[in-house]
């Protein structure tokens, strides 16, 4: 009887942890860096060297760092709502419009 109770308890805990892991929303938060030793980087062209992404429940924030060939990094911030609203940003005189939507459909 005691072994059965321990087994059932372990099964219940396993199911609870599995369900909670499945129910979690994917997050793309993190930092990515360019590995210059593995990349062909053209001279005097803005190159994305690093990007930091922070996801929240209603938005995604990116901080991108560009190098224009002078060895310095220049950051640009962009906060995008996940509801599809158009957001405009200009990077090095290059305007762009972005929108993001999030769907939980697999």
Protein backbone atom coordinates (compact mmCIF):
# COMPACT_ATOMS: atom_id res chain seq x y z
CA UNK A 1 0.00 0.00 0.00
CA UNK A 2 2.82 2.39 0.89
CA UNK A 3 4.60 1.65 -2.43
CA UNK A 4 1.41 2.32 -4.36
CA UNK A 5 0.94 5.65 -2.59
CA UNK A 6 4.53 6.70 -3.38
CA UNK A 7 4.11 5.62 -7.02
CA UNK A 8 0.84 7.53 -7.41
CA UNK A 9 2.36 10.63 -5.79
CA UNK A 10 5.31 10.53 -8.18
CA UNK A 11 2.98 10.12 -11.17
CA UNK A 12 0.86 13.10 -10.08
CA UNK A 13 3.95 15.28 -9.65
CA UNK A 14 5.26 14.21 -13.06
CA UNK A 15 1.95 15.09 -14.71
CA UNK A 16 1.82 18.48 -12.96
CA UNK A 17 5.38 19.39 -14.04
CA UNK A 18 4.71 18.21 -17.60
CA UNK A 19 1.54 20.27 -17.92
CA UNK A 20 3.19 23.39 -16.52
CA UNK A 21 6.12 23.01 -18.92
CA UNK A 22 3.81 22.60 -21.90
CA UNK A 23 1.65 25.58 -20.88
CA UNK A 24 4.57 28.02 -20.78
CA UNK A 25 4.71 30.58 -23.57
CA UNK A 26 7.83 30.50 -25.72
CA UNK A 27 10.24 33.30 -25.02
CA UNK A 28 12.81 34.63 -27.42
CA UNK A 29 14.53 36.71 -24.76
CA UNK A 30 18.30 36.64 -24.91
CA UNK A 31 21.39 38.13 -26.50
CA UNK A 32 22.96 37.10 -29.79
CA UNK A 33 26.35 38.26 -31.07
CA UNK A 34 28.00 38.19 -34.47
CA UNK A 35 31.03 35.90 -34.62
CA UNK A 36 33.30 37.86 -36.94
CA UNK A 37 35.63 34.86 -37.36
CA UNK A 38 32.79 32.93 -39.02
CA UNK A 39 31.32 35.80 -41.06
CA UNK A 40 32.30 37.79 -44.11
CA UNK A 41 31.74 41.39 -43.04
CA UNK A 42 31.81 44.01 -45.83
CA UNK A 43 33.72 47.22 -45.15
CA UNK A 44 31.88 50.51 -44.58
CA UNK A 45 28.49 48.83 -44.40
CA UNK A 46 26.36 48.89 -41.25
CA UNK A 47 26.58 45.42 -39.73
CA UNK A 48 24.38 44.10 -36.94
CA UNK A 49 26.92 42.96 -34.35
CA UNK A 50 24.66 42.19 -31.39
CA UNK A 51 20.97 42.04 -30.57
CA UNK A 52 19.28 41.78 -27.19
CA UNK A 53 15.63 40.70 -27.12
CA UNK A 54 13.33 41.05 -24.13
CA UNK A 55 9.84 39.57 -24.39
CA UNK A 56 6.96 40.69 -22.22
CA UNK A 57 3.35 39.56 -22.20
CA UNK A 58 2.26 42.35 -24.56
CA UNK A 59 5.44 43.44 -26.38
CA UNK A 60 8.89 42.54 -27.62
CA UNK A 61 11.79 44.96 -27.04
CA UNK A 62 14.95 44.79 -29.14
CA UNK A 63 18.21 46.63 -28.66
CA UNK A 64 20.35 46.25 -31.77
CA UNK A 65 23.97 47.28 -32.05
CA UNK A 66 25.44 48.20 -35.42
CA UNK A 67 29.06 48.79 -36.45
CA UNK A 68 29.52 51.08 -39.46
CA UNK A 69 33.14 50.15 -39.97
CA UNK A 70 34.76 52.47 -37.44
CA UNK A 71 34.95 49.86 -34.68
CA UNK A 72 32.26 51.50 -32.53
CA UNK A 73 28.84 50.05 -31.82
CA UNK A 74 25.75 52.21 -32.19
CA UNK A 75 22.59 51.01 -30.41
CA UNK A 76 19.02 51.32 -31.68
CA UNK A 77 16.02 50.48 -29.51
CA UNK A 78 12.68 49.24 -30.77
CA UNK A 79 9.65 48.32 -28.69
CA UNK A 80 7.02 46.43 -30.68
CA UNK A 81 3.54 45.66 -29.35
CA UNK A 82 2.41 42.11 -30.11
CA UNK A 83 -1.01 43.26 -31.38
CA UNK A 84 0.00 44.06 -34.98
CA UNK A 85 0.31 47.85 -34.58
CA UNK A 86 2.66 49.41 -37.17
CA UNK A 87 5.80 50.92 -35.67
CA UNK A 88 8.22 53.16 -37.62
CA UNK A 89 11.95 53.44 -36.97
CA UNK A 90 14.81 54.97 -38.96
CA UNK A 91 18.23 53.35 -38.86
CA UNK A 92 21.02 55.18 -40.71
CA UNK A 93 18.57 57.16 -42.87
CA UNK A 94 16.77 53.94 -43.79
CA UNK A 95 13.14 54.13 -42.63
CA UNK A 96 11.33 50.91 -41.90
CA UNK A 97 7.92 49.89 -40.66
CA UNK A 98 7.41 46.81 -38.56
CA UNK A 99 4.49 45.03 -36.97
CA UNK A 100 4.41 41.91 -34.84
CA UNK A 101 1.61 39.55 -33.90
CA UNK A 102 1.74 36.64 -31.48
CA UNK A 103 -0.31 33.49 -31.82
CA UNK A 104 -0.42 30.54 -29.45
CA UNK A 105 -1.50 28.21 -32.27
CA UNK A 106 0.99 25.38 -32.81
